[in-house]
PDB file of N, CA and C in Angstrom:
ATOM      1  N   MET A   1      -9.723   9.431 -15.075  1.00  0.00           N
ATOM      2  CA  MET A   1      -9.073   8.509 -13.810  1.00  0.00           C
ATOM      3  C   MET A   1      -7.780   8.944 -13.564  1.00  0.00           C
ATOM      4  N   THR A   2      -7.496   9.174 -12.211  1.00  0.00           N
ATOM      5  CA  THR A   2      -6.272   9.466 -11.604  1.00  0.00           C
ATOM      6  C   THR A   2      -5.583   8.121 -11.129  1.00  0.00           C
ATOM      7  N   LEU A   3      -4.365   7.748 -11.804  1.00  0.00           N
ATOM      8  CA  LEU A   3      -3.620   6.444 -11.380  1.00  0.00           C
ATOM      9  C   LEU A   3      -2.435   7.077 -10.596  1.00  0.00           C
ATOM     10  N   VAL A   4      -2.379   6.342  -9.436  1.00  0.00           N
ATOM     11  CA  VAL A   4      -1.147   6.607  -8.513  1.00  0.00           C
ATOM     12  C   VAL A   4      -0.370   5.468  -8.364  1.00  0.00           C
ATOM     13  N   ASN A   5       0.796   5.327  -8.949  1.00  0.00           N
ATOM     14  CA  ASN A   5       1.739   4.270  -8.923  1.00  0.00           C
ATOM     15  C   ASN A   5       2.887   4.495  -7.708  1.00  0.00           C
ATOM     16  N   ILE A   6       2.795   3.585  -6.887  1.00  0.00           N
ATOM     17  CA  ILE A   6       3.764   3.779  -5.658  1.00  0.00           C
ATOM     18  C   ILE A   6       4.853   2.641  -5.486  1.00  0.00           C
ATOM     19  N   TYR A   7       6.157   2.922  -5.417  1.00  0.00           N
ATOM     20  CA  TYR A   7       6.924   1.884  -5.092  1.00  0.00           C
ATOM     21  C   TYR A   7       7.500   2.374  -3.775  1.00  0.00           C
ATOM     22  N   ASP A   8       6.981   1.877  -2.464  1.00  0.00           N
ATOM     23  CA  ASP A   8       7.380   2.305  -1.321  1.00  0.00           C
ATOM     24  C   ASP A   8       8.699   1.728  -0.712  1.00  0.00           C
ATOM     25  N   GLN A   9       9.682   2.399  -0.584  1.00  0.00           N
ATOM     26  CA  GLN A   9      11.070   2.329  -0.305  1.00  0.00           C
ATOM     27  C   GLN A   9      11.609   3.286   0.752  1.00  0.00           C
ATOM     28  N   ARG A  10      12.431   2.696   1.829  1.00  0.00           N
ATOM     29  CA  ARG A  10      12.734   3.265   2.880  1.00  0.00           C
ATOM     30  C   ARG A  10      13.985   4.185   2.307  1.00  0.00           C
ATOM     31  N   PRO A  11      13.887   5.564   2.358  1.00  0.00           N
ATOM     32  CA  PRO A  11      15.120   6.348   2.068  1.00  0.00           C
ATOM     33  C   PRO A  11      16.246   6.223   2.897  1.00  0.00           C
ATOM     34  N   ARG A  12      17.369   6.559   2.375  1.00  0.00           N
ATOM     35  CA  ARG A  12      18.547   6.380   3.257  1.00  0.00           C
ATOM     36  C   ARG A  12      18.521   7.544   4.268  1.00  0.00           C
ATOM     37  N   GLY A  13      19.223   7.363   5.247  1.00  0.00           N
ATOM     38  CA  GLY A  13      19.387   8.502   6.297  1.00  0.00           C
ATOM     39  C   GLY A  13      18.103   8.442   7.153  1.00  0.00           C
ATOM     40  N   GLY A  14      17.307   7.582   7.225  1.00  0.00           N
ATOM     41  CA  GLY A  14      16.154   7.501   8.085  1.00  0.00           C
ATOM     42  C   GLY A  14      15.074   8.461   7.966  1.00  0.00           C
ATOM     43  N   GLU A  15      15.061   9.251   6.975  1.00  0.00           N
ATOM     44  CA  GLU A  15      13.999  10.245   6.759  1.00  0.00           C
ATOM     45  C   GLU A  15      12.743   9.475   6.378  1.00  0.00           C
ATOM     46  N   ASN A  16      11.495  10.242   6.425  1.00  0.00           N
ATOM     47  CA  ASN A  16      10.149   9.708   6.368  1.00  0.00           C
ATOM     48  C   ASN A  16      10.156   9.375   4.713  1.00  0.00           C
ATOM     49  N   ARG A  17       9.437   8.322   4.558  1.00  0.00           N
ATOM     50  CA  ARG A  17       9.162   7.955   3.075  1.00  0.00           C
ATOM     51  C   ARG A  17       8.417   8.921   2.558  1.00  0.00           C
ATOM     52  N   ILE A  18       8.550   9.040   1.162  1.00  0.00           N
ATOM     53  CA  ILE A  18       7.733  10.105   0.288  1.00  0.00           C
ATOM     54  C   ILE A  18       6.182   9.892   0.441  1.00  0.00           C
ATOM     55  N   GLU A  19       5.842   8.696   0.457  1.00  0.00           N
ATOM     56  CA  GLU A  19       4.293   8.392   0.723  1.00  0.00           C
ATOM     57  C   GLU A  19       3.855   8.967   1.899  1.00  0.00           C
ATOM     58  N   GLN A  20       4.511   8.895   2.910  1.00  0.00           N
ATOM     59  CA  GLN A  20       4.124   9.613   4.294  1.00  0.00           C
ATOM     60  C   GLN A  20       4.128  11.090   4.160  1.00  0.00           C
ATOM     61  N   GLU A  21       4.753  11.683   3.346  1.00  0.00           N
ATOM     62  CA  GLU A  21       4.853  13.123   3.058  1.00  0.00           C
ATOM     63  C   GLU A  21       3.803  13.732   2.180  1.00  0.00           C
ATOM     64  N   THR A  22       2.955  12.788   1.540  1.00  0.00           N
ATOM     65  CA  THR A  22       2.069  13.072   0.416  1.00  0.00           C
ATOM     66  C   THR A  22       0.900  13.586   1.164  1.00  0.00           C
ATOM     67  N   ASP A  23       0.149  14.541   0.315  1.00  0.00           N
ATOM     68  CA  ASP A  23      -1.129  15.042   0.720  1.00  0.00           C
ATOM     69  C   ASP A  23      -2.097  14.029   0.224  1.00  0.00           C
ATOM     70  N   TRP A  24      -2.428  12.964   0.856  1.00  0.00           N
ATOM     71  CA  TRP A  24      -3.378  11.859   0.278  1.00  0.00           C
ATOM     72  C   TRP A  24      -4.827  12.483   0.222  1.00  0.00           C
ATOM     73  N   GLY A  25      -5.229  13.225   1.137  1.00  0.00           N
ATOM     74  CA  GLY A  25      -6.693  13.890   1.071  1.00  0.00           C
ATOM     75  C   GLY A  25      -6.777  14.483  -0.246  1.00  0.00           C
ATOM     76  N   ALA A  26      -5.912  15.228  -0.763  1.00  0.00           N
ATOM     77  CA  ALA A  26      -5.963  15.844  -2.075  1.00  0.00           C
ATOM     78  C   ALA A  26      -6.036  14.748  -3.127  1.00  0.00           C
ATOM     79  N   ILE A  27      -5.530  13.772  -3.165  1.00  0.00           N
ATOM     80  CA  ILE A  27      -5.388  12.652  -4.173  1.00  0.00           C
ATOM     81  C   ILE A  27      -6.636  11.794  -3.971  1.00  0.00           C
ATOM     82  N   VAL A  28      -7.175  11.424  -2.974  1.00  0.00           N
ATOM     83  CA  VAL A  28      -8.046  10.278  -2.922  1.00  0.00           C
ATOM     84  C   VAL A  28      -9.550  10.866  -3.022  1.00  0.00           C
ATOM     85  N   ASN A  29      -9.490  12.238  -2.777  1.00  0.00           N
ATOM     86  CA  ASN A  29     -10.893  12.991  -2.916  1.00  0.00           C
ATOM     87  C   ASN A  29     -11.252  13.200  -4.345  1.00  0.00           C
ATOM     88  N   LYS A  30     -10.223  12.996  -5.326  1.00  0.00           N
ATOM     89  CA  LYS A  30     -10.771  13.304  -6.886  1.00  0.00           C
ATOM     90  C   LYS A  30     -11.659  12.282  -7.191  1.00  0.00           C
ATOM     91  N   PRO A  31     -12.511  12.336  -8.202  1.00  0.00           N
ATOM     92  CA  PRO A  31     -13.192  11.189  -8.767  1.00  0.00           C
ATOM     93  C   PRO A  31     -12.289  10.270  -9.264  1.00  0.00           C
ATOM     94  N   ARG A  32     -12.683   8.892  -9.139  1.00  0.00           N
ATOM     95  CA  ARG A  32     -12.066   7.697  -9.860  1.00  0.00           C
ATOM     96  C   ARG A  32     -10.560   7.830  -9.653  1.00  0.00           C
ATOM     97  N   VAL A  33     -10.184   7.326  -8.462  1.00  0.00           N
ATOM     98  CA  VAL A  33      -8.732   7.325  -8.231  1.00  0.00           C
ATOM     99  C   VAL A  33      -8.548   5.849  -8.092  1.00  0.00           C
ATOM    100  N   MET A  34      -7.319   5.313  -8.518  1.00  0.00           N
ATOM    101  CA  MET A  34      -6.761   4.080  -8.411  1.00  0.00           C
ATOM    102  C   MET A  34      -5.323   4.153  -7.890  1.00  0.00           C
ATOM    103  N   ILE A  35      -4.986   3.525  -6.891  1.00  0.00           N
ATOM    104  CA  ILE A  35      -3.758   3.429  -6.301  1.00  0.00           C
ATOM    105  C   ILE A  35      -3.075   1.808  -6.540  1.00  0.00           C
ATOM    106  N   ALA A  36      -2.026   1.988  -7.268  1.00  0.00           N
ATOM    107  CA  ALA A  36      -1.243   0.825  -7.525  1.00  0.00           C
ATOM    108  C   ALA A  36      -0.114   0.731  -6.925  1.00  0.00           C
ATOM    109  N   SER A  37       0.505  -0.391  -6.214  1.00  0.00           N
ATOM    110  CA  SER A  37       1.681  -0.090  -5.414  1.00  0.00           C
ATOM    111  C   SER A  37       2.514  -1.412  -5.395  1.00  0.00           C
ATOM    112  N   ASP A  38       3.647  -1.164  -5.069  1.00  0.00           N
ATOM    113  CA  ASP A  38       4.460  -2.229  -4.527  1.00  0.00           C
ATOM    114  C   ASP A  38       5.006  -1.758  -2.973  1.00  0.00           C
ATOM    115  N   MET A  39       4.231  -1.957  -1.997  1.00  0.00           N
ATOM    116  CA  MET A  39       4.327  -1.517  -0.866  1.00  0.00           C
ATOM    117  C   MET A  39       5.421  -1.959   0.178  1.00  0.00           C
ATOM    118  N   ASN A  40       5.790  -3.233  -0.169  1.00  0.00           N
ATOM    119  CA  ASN A  40       6.556  -4.197   0.936  1.00  0.00           C
ATOM    120  C   ASN A  40       5.907  -4.039   2.072  1.00  0.00           C
ATOM    121  N   ALA A  41       4.581  -4.183   2.101  1.00  0.00           N
ATOM    122  CA  ALA A  41       3.979  -4.231   3.505  1.00  0.00           C
ATOM    123  C   ALA A  41       2.902  -5.413   3.362  1.00  0.00           C
ATOM    124  N   GLN A  42       2.777  -5.919   4.625  1.00  0.00           N
ATOM    125  CA  GLN A  42       1.882  -7.116   4.719  1.00  0.00           C
ATOM    126  C   GLN A  42       0.925  -6.838   5.841  1.00  0.00           C
ATOM    127  N   SER A  43      -0.182  -7.232   5.530  1.00  0.00           N
ATOM    128  CA  SER A  43      -1.384  -7.085   6.382  1.00  0.00           C
ATOM    129  C   SER A  43      -2.587  -7.824   6.069  1.00  0.00           C
ATOM    130  N   LYS A  44      -3.349  -8.486   6.946  1.00  0.00           N
ATOM    131  CA  LYS A  44      -4.363  -9.163   6.853  1.00  0.00           C
ATOM    132  C   LYS A  44      -5.651  -8.266   6.030  1.00  0.00           C
ATOM    133  N   LEU A  45      -5.400  -7.008   6.175  1.00  0.00           N
ATOM    134  CA  LEU A  45      -6.504  -6.069   5.416  1.00  0.00           C
ATOM    135  C   LEU A  45      -6.472  -6.349   3.961  1.00  0.00           C
ATOM    136  N   TRP A  46      -5.263  -6.874   3.389  1.00  0.00           N
ATOM    137  CA  TRP A  46      -5.316  -6.985   1.947  1.00  0.00           C
ATOM    138  C   TRP A  46      -4.814  -8.445   1.528  1.00  0.00           C
ATOM    139  N   ASN A  47      -4.375  -9.332   2.504  1.00  0.00           N
ATOM    140  CA  ASN A  47      -4.104 -10.511   2.211  1.00  0.00           C
ATOM    141  C   ASN A  47      -4.212 -11.481   3.434  1.00  0.00           C
ATOM    142  N   LEU A  48      -5.275 -12.247   3.632  1.00  0.00           N
ATOM    143  CA  LEU A  48      -5.738 -13.112   4.687  1.00  0.00           C
ATOM    144  C   LEU A  48      -4.694 -14.127   5.206  1.00  0.00           C
ATOM    145  N   ARG A  49      -3.909 -14.366   4.095  1.00  0.00           N
ATOM    146  CA  ARG A  49      -2.599 -15.508   4.375  1.00  0.00           C
ATOM    147  C   ARG A  49      -1.598 -15.082   4.956  1.00  0.00           C
ATOM    148  N   VAL A  50      -1.367 -13.493   5.481  1.00  0.00           N
ATOM    149  CA  VAL A  50      -0.202 -13.065   5.928  1.00  0.00           C
ATOM    150  C   VAL A  50      -0.011 -13.588   7.333  1.00  0.00           C
ATOM    151  N   LYS A  51       1.233 -14.108   7.691  1.00  0.00           N
ATOM    152  CA  LYS A  51       1.336 -14.698   8.936  1.00  0.00           C
ATOM    153  C   LYS A  51       1.958 -13.684   9.858  1.00  0.00           C
ATOM    154  N   LYS A  52       2.837 -12.810   9.449  1.00  0.00           N
ATOM    155  CA  LYS A  52       3.193 -11.465  10.263  1.00  0.00           C
ATOM    156  C   LYS A  52       3.170 -10.171   9.551  1.00  0.00           C
ATOM    157  N   ARG A  53       2.599  -9.228  10.351  1.00  0.00           N
ATOM    158  CA  ARG A  53       2.155  -8.020   9.962  1.00  0.00           C
ATOM    159  C   ARG A  53       3.518  -7.267   9.736  1.00  0.00           C
ATOM    160  N   ARG A  54       3.911  -6.542   8.662  1.00  0.00           N
ATOM    161  CA  ARG A  54       5.017  -5.821   8.333  1.00  0.00           C
ATOM    162  C   ARG A  54       4.796  -4.460   7.629  1.00  0.00           C
ATOM    163  N   ASN A  55       5.275  -3.365   8.046  1.00  0.00           N
ATOM    164  CA  ASN A  55       5.289  -1.986   7.241  1.00  0.00           C
ATOM    165  C   ASN A  55       3.899  -1.729   6.871  1.00  0.00           C
ATOM    166  N   ALA A  56       2.830  -1.986   7.701  1.00  0.00           N
ATOM    167  CA  ALA A  56       1.677  -2.020   7.356  1.00  0.00           C
ATOM    168  C   ALA A  56       0.676  -0.679   7.850  1.00  0.00           C
ATOM    169  N   SER A  57       1.274  -0.215   8.947  1.00  0.00           N
ATOM    170  CA  SER A  57       0.403   0.723   9.899  1.00  0.00           C
ATOM    171  C   SER A  57      -0.036   2.052   8.986  1.00  0.00           C
ATOM    172  N   PHE A  58       1.048   2.698   8.317  1.00  0.00           N
ATOM    173  CA  PHE A  58       0.487   3.826   7.503  1.00  0.00           C
ATOM    174  C   PHE A  58      -0.542   3.459   6.507  1.00  0.00           C
ATOM    175  N   TRP A  59      -0.286   2.321   5.665  1.00  0.00           N
ATOM    176  CA  TRP A  59      -1.220   1.972   4.640  1.00  0.00           C
ATOM    177  C   TRP A  59      -2.600   1.682   5.305  1.00  0.00           C
ATOM    178  N   GLU A  60      -2.639   0.753   6.422  1.00  0.00           N
ATOM    179  CA  GLU A  60      -3.879   0.505   6.894  1.00  0.00           C
ATOM    180  C   GLU A  60      -4.726   1.627   7.410  1.00  0.00           C
ATOM    181  N   GLU A  61      -4.083   2.742   7.998  1.00  0.00           N
ATOM    182  CA  GLU A  61      -4.570   3.963   8.352  1.00  0.00           C
ATOM    183  C   GLU A  61      -5.174   4.821   7.405  1.00  0.00           C
ATOM    184  N   LEU A  62      -4.585   4.798   6.240  1.00  0.00           N
ATOM    185  CA  LEU A  62      -4.865   5.462   4.929  1.00  0.00           C
ATOM    186  C   LEU A  62      -6.178   4.937   4.419  1.00  0.00           C
ATOM    187  N   VAL A  63      -6.157   3.625   4.465  1.00  0.00           N
ATOM    188  CA  VAL A  63      -7.403   2.931   4.006  1.00  0.00           C
ATOM    189  C   VAL A  63      -8.600   3.205   4.690  1.00  0.00           C
ATOM    190  N   GLU A  64      -8.538   3.033   6.213  1.00  0.00           N
ATOM    191  CA  GLU A  64      -9.482   3.431   7.018  1.00  0.00           C
ATOM    192  C   GLU A  64      -9.968   4.784   6.890  1.00  0.00           C
ATOM    193  N   GLU A  65      -9.011   5.733   6.919  1.00  0.00           N
ATOM    194  CA  GLU A  65      -9.310   7.162   7.056  1.00  0.00           C
ATOM    195  C   GLU A  65     -10.094   7.634   5.833  1.00  0.00           C
ATOM    196  N   HIS A  66      -9.787   7.209   4.750  1.00  0.00           N
ATOM    197  CA  HIS A  66     -10.297   7.504   3.655  1.00  0.00           C
ATOM    198  C   HIS A  66     -11.472   6.656   2.909  1.00  0.00           C
ATOM    199  N   ALA A  67     -11.670   5.513   3.753  1.00  0.00           N
ATOM    200  CA  ALA A  67     -12.575   4.547   3.330  1.00  0.00           C
ATOM    201  C   ALA A  67     -12.427   3.884   2.015  1.00  0.00           C
ATOM    202  N   LEU A  68     -11.212   3.647   1.673  1.00  0.00           N
ATOM    203  CA  LEU A  68     -10.850   3.228   0.476  1.00  0.00           C
ATOM    204  C   LEU A  68     -11.019   1.733   0.386  1.00  0.00           C
ATOM    205  N   VAL A  69     -11.345   1.243  -0.948  1.00  0.00           N
ATOM    206  CA  VAL A  69     -11.685  -0.054  -1.260  1.00  0.00           C
ATOM    207  C   VAL A  69     -10.565  -0.739  -1.895  1.00  0.00           C
ATOM    208  N   ILE A  70     -10.319  -2.044  -1.160  1.00  0.00           N
ATOM    209  CA  ILE A  70      -9.017  -2.774  -1.618  1.00  0.00           C
ATOM    210  C   ILE A  70      -9.692  -3.701  -2.696  1.00  0.00           C
ATOM    211  N   TRP A  71      -9.038  -3.604  -3.857  1.00  0.00           N
ATOM    212  CA  TRP A  71      -9.346  -4.607  -4.941  1.00  0.00           C
ATOM    213  C   TRP A  71      -8.165  -5.431  -5.314  1.00  0.00           C
ATOM    214  N   ASN A  72      -8.211  -6.579  -4.738  1.00  0.00           N
ATOM    215  CA  ASN A  72      -7.029  -7.497  -4.604  1.00  0.00           C
ATOM    216  C   ASN A  72      -7.380  -8.911  -5.064  1.00  0.00           C
ATOM    217  N   LEU A  73      -6.646  -9.562  -5.884  1.00  0.00           N
ATOM    218  CA  LEU A  73      -7.005 -10.989  -6.060  1.00  0.00           C
ATOM    219  C   LEU A  73      -6.039 -11.660  -4.953  1.00  0.00           C
ATOM    220  N   ASP A  74      -6.652 -12.944  -4.762  1.00  0.00           N
ATOM    221  CA  ASP A  74      -5.999 -13.675  -3.809  1.00  0.00           C
ATOM    222  C   ASP A  74      -5.036 -14.773  -4.570  1.00  0.00           C
ATOM    223  N   GLU A  75      -3.985 -14.057  -5.258  1.00  0.00           N
ATOM    224  CA  GLU A  75      -2.962 -14.835  -5.861  1.00  0.00           C
ATOM    225  C   GLU A  75      -1.560 -14.319  -5.789  1.00  0.00           C
ATOM    226  N   GLY A  76      -0.625 -14.944  -5.814  1.00  0.00           N
ATOM    227  CA  GLY A  76       0.892 -14.518  -5.571  1.00  0.00           C
ATOM    228  C   GLY A  76       1.125 -13.346  -6.699  1.00  0.00           C
ATOM    229  N   THR A  77       2.050 -12.452  -6.319  1.00  0.00           N
ATOM    230  CA  THR A  77       2.477 -11.547  -7.346  1.00  0.00           C
ATOM    231  C   THR A  77       4.005 -11.640  -7.706  1.00  0.00           C
ATOM    232  N   ARG A  78       4.498 -12.587  -7.011  1.00  0.00           N
ATOM    233  CA  ARG A  78       5.865 -12.863  -7.128  1.00  0.00           C
ATOM    234  C   ARG A  78       6.079 -14.242  -6.954  1.00  0.00           C
ATOM    235  N   VAL A  79       6.820 -14.826  -7.884  1.00  0.00           N
ATOM    236  CA  VAL A  79       7.236 -16.289  -7.801  1.00  0.00           C
ATOM    237  C   VAL A  79       8.728 -16.359  -7.863  1.00  0.00           C
ATOM    238  N   GLY A  80       9.153 -17.506  -7.167  1.00  0.00           N
ATOM    239  CA  GLY A  80      10.619 -17.765  -7.144  1.00  0.00           C
ATOM    240  C   GLY A  80      10.986 -18.320  -5.774  1.00  0.00           C
ATOM    241  N   LEU A  81      12.222 -18.638  -5.546  1.00  0.00           N
ATOM    242  CA  LEU A  81      12.774 -19.235  -4.296  1.00  0.00           C
ATOM    243  C   LEU A  81      12.356 -18.359  -3.157  1.00  0.00           C
ATOM    244  N   GLY A  82      11.962 -19.020  -1.933  1.00  0.00           N
ATOM    245  CA  GLY A  82      11.442 -18.365  -0.782  1.00  0.00           C
ATOM    246  C   GLY A  82      10.236 -17.449  -0.842  1.00  0.00           C
ATOM    247  N   THR A  83       9.319 -17.712  -1.966  1.00  0.00           N
ATOM    248  CA  THR A  83       8.081 -17.024  -1.887  1.00  0.00           C
ATOM    249  C   THR A  83       7.031 -18.136  -1.775  1.00  0.00           C
ATOM    250  N   ASP A  84       5.945 -17.680  -1.145  1.00  0.00           N
ATOM    251  CA  ASP A  84       4.796 -18.537  -0.860  1.00  0.00           C
ATOM    252  C   ASP A  84       3.742 -18.144  -1.773  1.00  0.00           C
TER     253      ASP A  84
END
């Protein structure tokens, strides 16, 4: 199994994010790939309770282009002040 762990963070200077420069076709076409991440992205594609879409376009396109399966629980991943 190939496990890809991502922390999506905007680089300084406005360059593209590392994830956007990655050859995803070479990664997702391997057998048994799991992508785990902290994308700082919000989309109804993986969270039906999202009120405002944010930083999601790249990830939504990746999911659709490679027919990826989202395996997500409907529970919060962060608790504290200001989190729903």
